[in-house]
Amino acid sequence: MIYPMFTMILLTFIIGFAAMRARVASVRMKQIKIGYYRLMQTEVTQNVPERVTITTRSFNNMFEIPVLFYVAGTISLALDHVTTFSLIIAWLFVLSRLFHTWIHLSYNNILHRMNAYWI
């Protein structure tokens, strides 16, 4: 159970790094004022680059449903009840999140992303 949980943590850091890179690039290219990141609120005249929005939302997603995965994994470890079935389910969840993230950060097809999310 440790390896699937570690993989999810690693994925979270990778997405966080991608979000940070998108934010820094948007400021350097003067697409957005640095003050936007204080409260994450735009002025009426300021548009947030799509890449910033997508990476930020993808990072935020990692603190929604995956939290339940961490709770279930921790309980499974604490109760010493890690079975082959629970490991298979854990890895399937991790793979679905990897697939969801890949869709979200690449071609971002809504229907494909929704299916990956519900898996």
C-alpha atoms as a PDB file:
ATOM      1  CA  MET A   1       0.000   0.000   0.000  1.00  0.00           C
ATOM      2  CA  ILE A   2       2.975   2.265   0.578  1.00  0.00           C
ATOM      3  CA  TYR A   3       4.017   2.288  -3.092  1.00  0.00           C
ATOM      4  CA  PRO A   4       0.657   3.403  -4.520  1.00  0.00           C
ATOM      5  CA  MET A   5       0.395   6.096  -1.843  1.00  0.00           C
ATOM      6  CA  PHE A   6       3.943   7.274  -2.542  1.00  0.00           C
ATOM      7  CA  THR A   7       3.167   7.379  -6.279  1.00  0.00           C
ATOM      8  CA  MET A   8       0.178   9.652  -5.591  1.00  0.00           C
ATOM      9  CA  ILE A   9       2.351  11.943  -3.470  1.00  0.00           C
ATOM     10  CA  LEU A  10       4.944  12.063  -6.241  1.00  0.00           C
ATOM     11  CA  LEU A  11       2.223  12.883  -8.787  1.00  0.00           C
ATOM     12  CA  THR A  12       1.002  15.706  -6.543  1.00  0.00           C
ATOM     13  CA  PHE A  13       4.497  17.206  -6.403  1.00  0.00           C
ATOM     14  CA  ILE A  14       4.913  16.902 -10.178  1.00  0.00           C
ATOM     15  CA  ILE A  15       1.625  18.693 -10.814  1.00  0.00           C
ATOM     16  CA  GLY A  16       2.513  21.329  -8.217  1.00  0.00           C
ATOM     17  CA  PHE A  17       5.825  21.921  -9.976  1.00  0.00           C
ATOM     18  CA  ALA A  18       4.028  22.238 -13.332  1.00  0.00           C
ATOM     19  CA  ALA A  19       1.614  24.766 -11.805  1.00  0.00           C
ATOM     20  CA  MET A  20       4.496  26.777 -10.375  1.00  0.00           C
ATOM     21  CA  ARG A  21       6.284  26.794 -13.735  1.00  0.00           C
ATOM     22  CA  ALA A  22       3.126  27.980 -15.494  1.00  0.00           C
ATOM     23  CA  ARG A  23       2.677  30.774 -12.963  1.00  0.00           C
ATOM     24  CA  VAL A  24       6.283  31.954 -13.158  1.00  0.00           C
ATOM     25  CA  ALA A  25       6.165  31.860 -16.967  1.00  0.00           C
ATOM     26  CA  SER A  26       2.927  33.877 -17.031  1.00  0.00           C
ATOM     27  CA  VAL A  27       4.517  36.619 -14.918  1.00  0.00           C
ATOM     28  CA  ARG A  28       7.768  36.628 -16.907  1.00  0.00           C
ATOM     29  CA  MET A  29       5.881  36.878 -20.196  1.00  0.00           C
ATOM     30  CA  LYS A  30       3.763  39.674 -18.681  1.00  0.00           C
ATOM     31  CA  GLN A  31       0.546  37.779 -19.316  1.00  0.00           C
ATOM     32  CA  ILE A  32      -0.552  38.360 -15.749  1.00  0.00           C
ATOM     33  CA  LYS A  33       0.465  40.686 -12.928  1.00  0.00           C
ATOM     34  CA  ILE A  34       2.222  39.070  -9.990  1.00  0.00           C
ATOM     35  CA  GLY A  35      -0.349  40.628  -7.648  1.00  0.00           C
ATOM     36  CA  TYR A  36      -2.939  38.214  -9.010  1.00  0.00           C
ATOM     37  CA  TYR A  37      -1.338  35.412  -7.022  1.00  0.00           C
ATOM     38  CA  ARG A  38      -1.890  37.171  -3.700  1.00  0.00           C
ATOM     39  CA  LEU A  39      -5.618  36.397  -3.680  1.00  0.00           C
ATOM     40  CA  MET A  40      -6.034  34.511  -6.960  1.00  0.00           C
ATOM     41  CA  GLN A  41      -8.569  37.082  -8.107  1.00  0.00           C
ATOM     42  CA  THR A  42      -8.432  38.848 -11.424  1.00  0.00           C
ATOM     43  CA  GLU A  43      -9.237  42.379 -12.271  1.00  0.00           C
ATOM     44  CA  VAL A  44     -11.996  42.784 -14.829  1.00  0.00           C
ATOM     45  CA  THR A  45      -9.460  43.612 -17.535  1.00  0.00           C
ATOM     46  CA  GLN A  46      -6.977  40.842 -16.762  1.00  0.00           C
ATOM     47  CA  ASN A  47      -7.221  37.410 -18.385  1.00  0.00           C
ATOM     48  CA  VAL A  48      -5.619  34.420 -16.719  1.00  0.00           C
ATOM     49  CA  PRO A  49      -3.683  32.256 -19.191  1.00  0.00           C
ATOM     50  CA  GLU A  50      -5.326  28.893 -19.842  1.00  0.00           C
ATOM     51  CA  ARG A  51      -2.194  26.978 -18.825  1.00  0.00           C
ATOM     52  CA  VAL A  52      -2.201  28.632 -15.401  1.00  0.00           C
ATOM     53  CA  THR A  53      -5.861  27.778 -14.843  1.00  0.00           C
ATOM     54  CA  ILE A  54      -5.483  24.164 -15.978  1.00  0.00           C
ATOM     55  CA  THR A  55      -2.390  23.412 -13.899  1.00  0.00           C
ATOM     56  CA  THR A  56      -3.873  25.124 -10.831  1.00  0.00           C
ATOM     57  CA  ARG A  57      -7.109  23.173 -11.100  1.00  0.00           C
ATOM     58  CA  SER A  58      -5.224  19.937 -11.681  1.00  0.00           C
ATOM     59  CA  PHE A  59      -3.170  20.601  -8.540  1.00  0.00           C
ATOM     60  CA  ASN A  60      -6.315  21.406  -6.556  1.00  0.00           C
ATOM     61  CA  ASN A  61      -7.876  18.127  -7.762  1.00  0.00           C
ATOM     62  CA  MET A  62      -5.102  16.256  -5.969  1.00  0.00           C
ATOM     63  CA  PHE A  63      -6.528  17.462  -2.645  1.00  0.00           C
ATOM     64  CA  GLU A  64     -10.072  16.290  -3.281  1.00  0.00           C
ATOM     65  CA  ILE A  65     -10.820  12.620  -4.081  1.00  0.00           C
ATOM     66  CA  PRO A  66      -7.224  11.422  -3.487  1.00  0.00           C
ATOM     67  CA  VAL A  67      -7.569  12.430   0.168  1.00  0.00           C
ATOM     68  CA  LEU A  68     -10.059   9.573   0.572  1.00  0.00           C
ATOM     69  CA  PHE A  69      -7.485   7.273  -1.014  1.00  0.00           C
ATOM     70  CA  TYR A  70      -4.883   8.339   1.567  1.00  0.00           C
ATOM     71  CA  VAL A  71      -7.349   7.758   4.412  1.00  0.00           C
ATOM     72  CA  ALA A  72      -8.287   4.297   3.108  1.00  0.00           C
ATOM     73  CA  GLY A  73      -4.630   3.392   2.573  1.00  0.00           C
ATOM     74  CA  THR A  74      -3.620   4.592   6.026  1.00  0.00           C
ATOM     75  CA  ILE A  75      -6.460   2.666   7.664  1.00  0.00           C
ATOM     76  CA  SER A  76      -5.537  -0.433   5.669  1.00  0.00           C
ATOM     77  CA  LEU A  77      -1.923  -0.146   6.845  1.00  0.00           C
ATOM     78  CA  ALA A  78      -2.843   0.640  10.457  1.00  0.00           C
ATOM     79  CA  LEU A  79      -5.165  -2.364  10.694  1.00  0.00           C
ATOM     80  CA  ASP A  80      -2.591  -4.546   8.949  1.00  0.00           C
ATOM     81  CA  HIS A  81      -5.230  -5.439   6.396  1.00  0.00           C
ATOM     82  CA  VAL A  82      -3.351  -4.996   3.113  1.00  0.00           C
ATOM     83  CA  THR A  83      -4.605  -7.684   0.762  1.00  0.00           C
ATOM     84  CA  THR A  84      -3.966  -8.469  -2.877  1.00  0.00           C
ATOM     85  CA  PHE A  85      -7.405  -7.070  -3.669  1.00  0.00           C
ATOM     86  CA  SER A  86      -6.737  -3.785  -1.832  1.00  0.00           C
ATOM     87  CA  LEU A  87      -3.398  -3.403  -3.628  1.00  0.00           C
ATOM     88  CA  ILE A  88      -5.021  -4.008  -7.018  1.00  0.00           C
ATOM     89  CA  ILE A  89      -7.721  -1.429  -6.239  1.00  0.00           C
ATOM     90  CA  ALA A  90      -5.085   1.026  -5.003  1.00  0.00           C
ATOM     91  CA  TRP A  91      -2.984   0.684  -8.148  1.00  0.00           C
ATOM     92  CA  LEU A  92      -6.069   0.990 -10.348  1.00  0.00           C
ATOM     93  CA  PHE A  93      -6.928   4.225  -8.555  1.00  0.00           C
ATOM     94  CA  VAL A  94      -3.392   5.542  -9.034  1.00  0.00           C
ATOM     95  CA  LEU A  95      -3.436   4.617 -12.728  1.00  0.00           C
ATOM     96  CA  SER A  96      -6.797   6.327 -13.188  1.00  0.00           C
ATOM     97  CA  ARG A  97      -5.425   9.482 -11.540  1.00  0.00           C
ATOM     98  CA  LEU A  98      -2.330   9.365 -13.759  1.00  0.00           C
ATOM     99  CA  PHE A  99      -4.570   8.980 -16.795  1.00  0.00           C
ATOM    100  CA  HIS A 100      -6.861  11.796 -15.594  1.00  0.00           C
ATOM    101  CA  THR A 101      -3.882  14.097 -15.035  1.00  0.00           C
ATOM    102  CA  TRP A 102      -2.393  13.281 -18.433  1.00  0.00           C
ATOM    103  CA  ILE A 103      -5.707  14.110 -20.133  1.00  0.00           C
ATOM    104  CA  HIS A 104      -6.148  17.291 -18.093  1.00  0.00           C
ATOM    105  CA  LEU A 105      -2.650  18.621 -18.754  1.00  0.00           C
ATOM    106  CA  SER A 106      -2.438  17.597 -22.414  1.00  0.00           C
ATOM    107  CA  TYR A 107      -5.410  17.638 -24.754  1.00  0.00           C
ATOM    108  CA  ASN A 108      -8.065  18.178 -22.028  1.00  0.00           C
ATOM    109  CA  ASN A 109     -11.053  16.452 -23.624  1.00  0.00           C
ATOM    110  CA  ILE A 110     -13.912  16.886 -21.136  1.00  0.00           C
ATOM    111  CA  LEU A 111     -15.601  13.526 -21.802  1.00  0.00           C
ATOM    112  CA  HIS A 112     -12.360  11.562 -21.566  1.00  0.00           C
ATOM    113  CA  ARG A 113     -11.352  13.420 -18.418  1.00  0.00           C
ATOM    114  CA  MET A 114     -14.755  12.824 -16.814  1.00  0.00           C
ATOM    115  CA  ASN A 115     -14.551   9.090 -17.510  1.00  0.00           C
ATOM    116  CA  ALA A 116     -11.054   8.907 -16.028  1.00  0.00           C
ATOM    117  CA  TYR A 117     -12.247  10.858 -12.995  1.00  0.00           C
ATOM    118  CA  TRP A 118     -15.132   8.486 -12.294  1.00  0.00           C
ATOM    119  CA  ILE A 119     -12.964   5.391 -12.710  1.00  0.00           C
END
